[in-house]
Amino acid sequence: MLEWVRFFCGAFFIIVGIVTAFIATFGMFRFTYVLNRMHSAAMCDTLALGSVLIGLIIFYGVSFASLKLAAIICFLWLASPVSSHLLARLEVTINEKHIKERCEVQEDAMD
């Protein structure tokens, strides 16, 4: 009985991860603005991969492989938001439209 519970829990997390990855991939192709695409990619990076890896941890049980998968999840949770933040700041800094909007907001604030 316990094996079936582990199987269904692991399968549930893997299916959730796969569905989330498909939705995020669709969003990356559908969205036109860079920051929207980056949000979709970050969702795929954290939620989809995390769900699949949690499902694999449930399948493996308590083992060294599960420890490695947990380390991968921790690395993804630390690295993905930092890289997404840096890319978003680069986009906002380089894109002239954002620079004009920022200057208008600062001028309005000074008045």
C-alpha atoms as a PDB file:
ATOM      1  CA  MET A   1       0.000   0.000   0.000  1.00  0.00           C
ATOM      2  CA  LEU A   2       2.804   2.427   0.861  1.00  0.00           C
ATOM      3  CA  GLU A   3       4.422   1.828  -2.529  1.00  0.00           C
ATOM      4  CA  TRP A   4       1.247   2.905  -4.307  1.00  0.00           C
ATOM      5  CA  VAL A   5       0.987   6.078  -2.242  1.00  0.00           C
ATOM      6  CA  ARG A   6       4.615   6.941  -3.069  1.00  0.00           C
ATOM      7  CA  PHE A   7       3.976   6.179  -6.729  1.00  0.00           C
ATOM      8  CA  PHE A   8       0.893   8.404  -6.964  1.00  0.00           C
ATOM      9  CA  CYS A   9       2.502  11.247  -5.004  1.00  0.00           C
ATOM     10  CA  GLY A  10       5.638  11.139  -7.156  1.00  0.00           C
ATOM     11  CA  ALA A  11       3.614  10.879 -10.360  1.00  0.00           C
ATOM     12  CA  PHE A  12       1.438  13.809  -9.282  1.00  0.00           C
ATOM     13  CA  PHE A  13       4.464  16.076  -8.760  1.00  0.00           C
ATOM     14  CA  ILE A  14       6.047  15.014 -12.044  1.00  0.00           C
ATOM     15  CA  ILE A  15       2.817  15.606 -13.979  1.00  0.00           C
ATOM     16  CA  VAL A  16       2.375  19.025 -12.338  1.00  0.00           C
ATOM     17  CA  GLY A  17       5.953  19.880 -13.332  1.00  0.00           C
ATOM     18  CA  ILE A  18       5.450  18.777 -16.924  1.00  0.00           C
ATOM     19  CA  VAL A  19       2.172  20.703 -17.285  1.00  0.00           C
ATOM     20  CA  THR A  20       3.781  23.796 -15.768  1.00  0.00           C
ATOM     21  CA  ALA A  21       6.719  23.489 -18.171  1.00  0.00           C
ATOM     22  CA  PHE A  22       4.359  23.312 -21.163  1.00  0.00           C
ATOM     23  CA  ILE A  23       2.431  26.369 -19.964  1.00  0.00           C
ATOM     24  CA  ALA A  24       5.662  28.288 -19.358  1.00  0.00           C
ATOM     25  CA  THR A  25       7.011  27.305 -22.777  1.00  0.00           C
ATOM     26  CA  PHE A  26       3.787  28.482 -24.396  1.00  0.00           C
ATOM     27  CA  GLY A  27       4.147  31.764 -22.495  1.00  0.00           C
ATOM     28  CA  MET A  28       7.716  32.254 -23.684  1.00  0.00           C
ATOM     29  CA  PHE A  29       6.550  32.008 -27.292  1.00  0.00           C
ATOM     30  CA  ARG A  30       3.309  33.917 -26.789  1.00  0.00           C
ATOM     31  CA  PHE A  31       4.485  36.975 -24.860  1.00  0.00           C
ATOM     32  CA  THR A  32       6.089  39.799 -26.817  1.00  0.00           C
ATOM     33  CA  TYR A  33       7.702  41.828 -24.046  1.00  0.00           C
ATOM     34  CA  VAL A  34      11.054  40.681 -22.677  1.00  0.00           C
ATOM     35  CA  LEU A  35      10.167  40.932 -18.990  1.00  0.00           C
ATOM     36  CA  ASN A  36       6.974  38.913 -19.517  1.00  0.00           C
ATOM     37  CA  ARG A  37       8.988  36.227 -21.290  1.00  0.00           C
ATOM     38  CA  MET A  38      11.495  36.233 -18.467  1.00  0.00           C
ATOM     39  CA  HIS A  39       8.709  35.741 -15.922  1.00  0.00           C
ATOM     40  CA  SER A  40       7.473  32.745 -17.865  1.00  0.00           C
ATOM     41  CA  ALA A  41      10.984  31.302 -18.070  1.00  0.00           C
ATOM     42  CA  ALA A  42      11.506  31.808 -14.345  1.00  0.00           C
ATOM     43  CA  MET A  43       8.238  30.014 -13.625  1.00  0.00           C
ATOM     44  CA  CYS A  44       9.466  27.089 -15.676  1.00  0.00           C
ATOM     45  CA  ASP A  45      12.835  27.222 -13.970  1.00  0.00           C
ATOM     46  CA  THR A  46      11.608  27.189 -10.391  1.00  0.00           C
ATOM     47  CA  LEU A  47       8.144  25.651 -10.293  1.00  0.00           C
ATOM     48  CA  ALA A  48       8.348  23.089 -13.109  1.00  0.00           C
ATOM     49  CA  LEU A  49      11.847  21.803 -12.409  1.00  0.00           C
ATOM     50  CA  GLY A  50      11.238  21.893  -8.671  1.00  0.00           C
ATOM     51  CA  SER A  51       8.061  19.826  -9.004  1.00  0.00           C
ATOM     52  CA  VAL A  52       9.725  17.233 -11.214  1.00  0.00           C
ATOM     53  CA  LEU A  53      12.684  16.963  -8.860  1.00  0.00           C
ATOM     54  CA  ILE A  54      10.386  16.610  -5.820  1.00  0.00           C
ATOM     55  CA  GLY A  55       8.566  13.832  -7.655  1.00  0.00           C
ATOM     56  CA  LEU A  56      11.879  12.094  -8.327  1.00  0.00           C
ATOM     57  CA  ILE A  57      12.871  12.464  -4.677  1.00  0.00           C
ATOM     58  CA  ILE A  58       9.623  10.759  -3.688  1.00  0.00           C
ATOM     59  CA  PHE A  59      10.325   7.935  -6.157  1.00  0.00           C
ATOM     60  CA  TYR A  60      13.879   7.390  -4.905  1.00  0.00           C
ATOM     61  CA  GLY A  61      12.979   7.476  -1.230  1.00  0.00           C
ATOM     62  CA  VAL A  62      15.718   8.093   1.304  1.00  0.00           C
ATOM     63  CA  SER A  63      18.988   7.678  -0.612  1.00  0.00           C
ATOM     64  CA  PHE A  64      22.081   9.540  -1.739  1.00  0.00           C
ATOM     65  CA  ALA A  65      20.379  10.301  -5.068  1.00  0.00           C
ATOM     66  CA  SER A  66      17.590  12.089  -3.179  1.00  0.00           C
ATOM     67  CA  LEU A  67      20.166  14.175  -1.366  1.00  0.00           C
ATOM     68  CA  LYS A  68      21.718  15.199  -4.678  1.00  0.00           C
ATOM     69  CA  LEU A  69      18.311  16.098  -6.100  1.00  0.00           C
ATOM     70  CA  ALA A  70      17.567  18.201  -3.010  1.00  0.00           C
ATOM     71  CA  ALA A  71      20.900  19.989  -3.488  1.00  0.00           C
ATOM     72  CA  ILE A  72      19.934  20.736  -7.096  1.00  0.00           C
ATOM     73  CA  ILE A  73      16.610  22.204  -5.906  1.00  0.00           C
ATOM     74  CA  CYS A  74      18.437  24.423  -3.394  1.00  0.00           C
ATOM     75  CA  PHE A  75      20.860  25.605  -6.073  1.00  0.00           C
ATOM     76  CA  LEU A  76      17.993  26.411  -8.454  1.00  0.00           C
ATOM     77  CA  TRP A  77      16.131  28.350  -5.756  1.00  0.00           C
ATOM     78  CA  LEU A  78      19.249  30.425  -5.084  1.00  0.00           C
ATOM     79  CA  ALA A  79      20.540  30.945  -8.617  1.00  0.00           C
ATOM     80  CA  SER A  80      17.360  31.461 -10.628  1.00  0.00           C
ATOM     81  CA  PRO A  81      15.985  34.571  -8.868  1.00  0.00           C
ATOM     82  CA  VAL A  82      19.401  36.225  -8.862  1.00  0.00           C
ATOM     83  CA  SER A  83      19.972  35.654 -12.572  1.00  0.00           C
ATOM     84  CA  SER A  84      16.414  36.735 -13.444  1.00  0.00           C
ATOM     85  CA  HIS A  85      16.818  39.909 -11.399  1.00  0.00           C
ATOM     86  CA  LEU A  86      20.107  40.776 -13.077  1.00  0.00           C
ATOM     87  CA  LEU A  87      18.684  40.187 -16.548  1.00  0.00           C
ATOM     88  CA  ALA A  88      15.612  42.302 -15.744  1.00  0.00           C
ATOM     89  CA  ARG A  89      17.772  45.171 -14.489  1.00  0.00           C
ATOM     90  CA  LEU A  90      19.901  44.942 -17.637  1.00  0.00           C
ATOM     91  CA  GLU A  91      16.769  45.115 -19.806  1.00  0.00           C
ATOM     92  CA  VAL A  92      15.406  48.116 -17.928  1.00  0.00           C
ATOM     93  CA  THR A  93      18.781  49.875 -18.078  1.00  0.00           C
ATOM     94  CA  ILE A  94      19.355  49.285 -21.782  1.00  0.00           C
ATOM     95  CA  ASN A  95      15.828  49.770 -23.124  1.00  0.00           C
ATOM     96  CA  GLU A  96      15.366  53.455 -23.979  1.00  0.00           C
ATOM     97  CA  LYS A  97      11.611  53.315 -23.422  1.00  0.00           C
ATOM     98  CA  HIS A  98      12.149  52.492 -19.752  1.00  0.00           C
ATOM     99  CA  ILE A  99      14.746  55.239 -19.407  1.00  0.00           C
ATOM    100  CA  LYS A 100      12.281  57.833 -20.758  1.00  0.00           C
ATOM    101  CA  GLU A 101       9.531  56.615 -18.424  1.00  0.00           C
ATOM    102  CA  ARG A 102      11.912  56.731 -15.459  1.00  0.00           C
ATOM    103  CA  CYS A 103      12.953  60.309 -16.285  1.00  0.00           C
ATOM    104  CA  GLU A 104       9.307  61.387 -16.593  1.00  0.00           C
ATOM    105  CA  VAL A 105       8.490  59.848 -13.206  1.00  0.00           C
ATOM    106  CA  GLN A 106      11.465  61.582 -11.582  1.00  0.00           C
ATOM    107  CA  GLU A 107      10.487  64.928 -13.148  1.00  0.00           C
ATOM    108  CA  ASP A 108       6.927  64.524 -11.875  1.00  0.00           C
ATOM    109  CA  ALA A 109       8.217  63.716  -8.414  1.00  0.00           C
ATOM    110  CA  MET A 110      10.370  66.880  -8.347  1.00  0.00           C
ATOM    111  CA  ASP A 111       7.461  69.150  -9.290  1.00  0.00           C
END
